[in-house]
Protein backbone atom coordinates (compact mmCIF):
# COMPACT_ATOMS: atom_id res chain seq x y z
CA MET A 1 58.25 -144.57 -120.67
CA LYS A 2 57.60 -146.34 -124.12
CA ARG A 3 57.76 -146.24 -127.75
CA LYS A 4 54.63 -148.04 -129.71
CA SER A 5 54.11 -147.03 -133.57
CA SER A 6 53.97 -143.52 -133.70
CA TYR A 7 53.54 -142.62 -130.67
CA VAL A 8 55.44 -141.90 -127.02
CA GLU A 9 53.46 -143.59 -124.05
CA LEU A 10 54.23 -142.17 -120.59
CA VAL A 11 52.00 -144.14 -117.56
CA VAL A 12 52.58 -142.08 -113.58
CA THR A 13 51.57 -144.34 -111.04
CA GLY A 14 50.46 -143.82 -107.93
CA THR A 15 49.77 -145.83 -104.52
CA GLY A 16 47.33 -142.38 -103.34
CA ARG A 17 44.01 -142.55 -102.41
CA GLY A 18 42.70 -143.79 -106.22
CA ILE A 19 39.10 -142.50 -108.40
CA GLU A 20 35.95 -143.76 -107.58
CA PRO A 21 35.37 -145.63 -111.26
CA GLY A 22 32.32 -144.21 -111.92
CA SER A 23 34.35 -140.73 -110.99
CA LEU A 24 36.97 -141.15 -114.01
CA GLY A 25 35.31 -139.63 -117.00
CA SER A 26 35.23 -136.18 -114.28
CA VAL A 27 38.88 -136.18 -113.74
CA PHE A 28 39.96 -133.62 -115.95
CA ASP A 29 37.56 -131.28 -115.67
CA ARG A 30 37.99 -127.60 -114.78
CA PHE A 31 37.55 -127.74 -110.36
CA TRP A 32 36.89 -131.44 -110.33
CA GLN A 33 37.06 -133.19 -107.20
CA GLY A 34 36.27 -136.25 -105.44
CA ALA A 35 33.38 -135.96 -103.63
CA ASP A 36 35.38 -137.53 -99.93
CA VAL A 37 38.11 -135.07 -101.04
CA ARG A 38 37.95 -133.44 -97.15
CA ASP A 39 41.26 -132.27 -95.79
CA SER A 40 42.89 -129.02 -96.31
CA HIS A 41 45.69 -129.93 -98.73
CA ASN A 42 43.25 -129.58 -101.50
CA GLY A 43 43.95 -128.05 -105.01
CA LEU A 44 41.09 -126.35 -107.01
CA GLY A 45 40.50 -129.06 -108.79
CA LEU A 46 43.15 -127.34 -112.16
CA GLY A 47 45.46 -129.33 -112.16
CA LEU A 48 44.62 -131.79 -114.53
CA SER A 49 42.45 -130.12 -116.29
CA ILE A 50 45.75 -127.79 -117.16
CA VAL A 51 47.91 -131.12 -118.33
CA LYS A 52 45.31 -132.16 -120.69
CA GLU A 53 44.37 -129.29 -121.88
CA ILE A 54 48.95 -129.11 -122.74
CA ILE A 55 48.16 -132.51 -124.09
CA ASN A 56 45.88 -131.80 -126.46
CA LEU A 57 47.79 -128.98 -127.08
CA HIS A 58 50.28 -130.69 -128.27
CA GLY A 59 48.25 -133.22 -130.61
CA GLY A 60 48.23 -135.80 -127.89
CA SER A 61 46.33 -137.87 -125.25
CA ILE A 62 45.97 -138.31 -121.28
CA PHE A 63 43.62 -141.09 -119.79
CA ALA A 64 42.92 -142.02 -116.12
CA TYR A 65 42.87 -145.67 -115.25
CA SER A 66 42.00 -146.26 -110.72
CA GLU A 67 40.25 -149.99 -109.51
CA GLY A 68 38.88 -147.53 -106.86
CA MET A 69 39.24 -145.95 -103.77
CA ASP A 70 42.38 -147.02 -101.80
CA LYS A 71 43.43 -148.62 -105.10
CA GLY A 72 45.60 -145.92 -106.33
CA SER A 73 45.05 -144.60 -109.64
CA ALA A 74 47.34 -144.49 -113.31
CA PHE A 75 47.69 -141.74 -115.65
CA THR A 76 48.85 -142.66 -119.46
CA VAL A 77 50.51 -139.90 -121.26
CA ARG A 78 50.81 -140.51 -125.43
CA LEU A 79 52.71 -138.12 -127.46
CA HIS A 80 53.57 -137.67 -131.37
CA TRP A 81 56.64 -139.82 -131.30
CA GLN A 82 58.91 -137.09 -132.90
CA LEU A 83 57.56 -134.69 -130.90
CA ALA A 84 58.70 -136.40 -127.64
CA LYS A 85 61.59 -136.56 -129.30
CA LEU A 86 62.23 -133.07 -129.85
CA LEU A 87 60.97 -131.99 -126.46
CA CYS A 88 63.91 -134.51 -124.54
CA TRP A 89 66.65 -133.03 -127.58
CA SER A 90 64.87 -129.72 -126.82
CA SER A 91 65.31 -130.32 -122.98
CA ALA A 92 68.80 -131.40 -123.30
CA ARG A 93 69.77 -128.06 -125.06
CA HIS A 94 68.41 -126.89 -122.33
CA ARG A 95 70.11 -128.55 -119.64
CA LEU A 96 73.36 -128.42 -121.11
CA ALA A 97 73.37 -124.30 -121.55
CA VAL A 98 72.84 -124.27 -118.14
CA LEU A 99 76.38 -125.97 -117.28
CA LEU A 100 78.03 -124.57 -120.47
CA PRO A 101 79.94 -121.21 -120.61
CA ALA A 102 77.73 -118.54 -122.44
CA GLY A 103 78.75 -118.17 -126.03
CA THR A 104 79.61 -121.66 -126.34
CA SER A 105 77.23 -124.36 -128.34
CA TYR A 106 79.70 -127.33 -129.03
CA GLY A 107 77.59 -128.04 -132.23
CA LEU A 108 73.27 -127.97 -130.28
CA SER A 109 72.49 -125.23 -132.93
């Protein structure tokens, strides 16, 4: 994760199948699946469209990149810096709340 001016950028990479360059514009479409998807471990093609919708609702953006089949892929998420900071703080408060005795605030309100 990197902070770049007014936003935070998170890049998630994988070494899986990759994506044909001509299909990169479709990966966030509902029910989209690659043409070569034939095994039994496939989903419905909804995951990336849901991720994009959530990111868009928070004023962010997501981009997909791949050099092609068998070359993996990368997804870049950008969120406004203040929102990312709030989400990190909220997540930290939740983790502490799980660990602290009930009724203990430790100045986290």
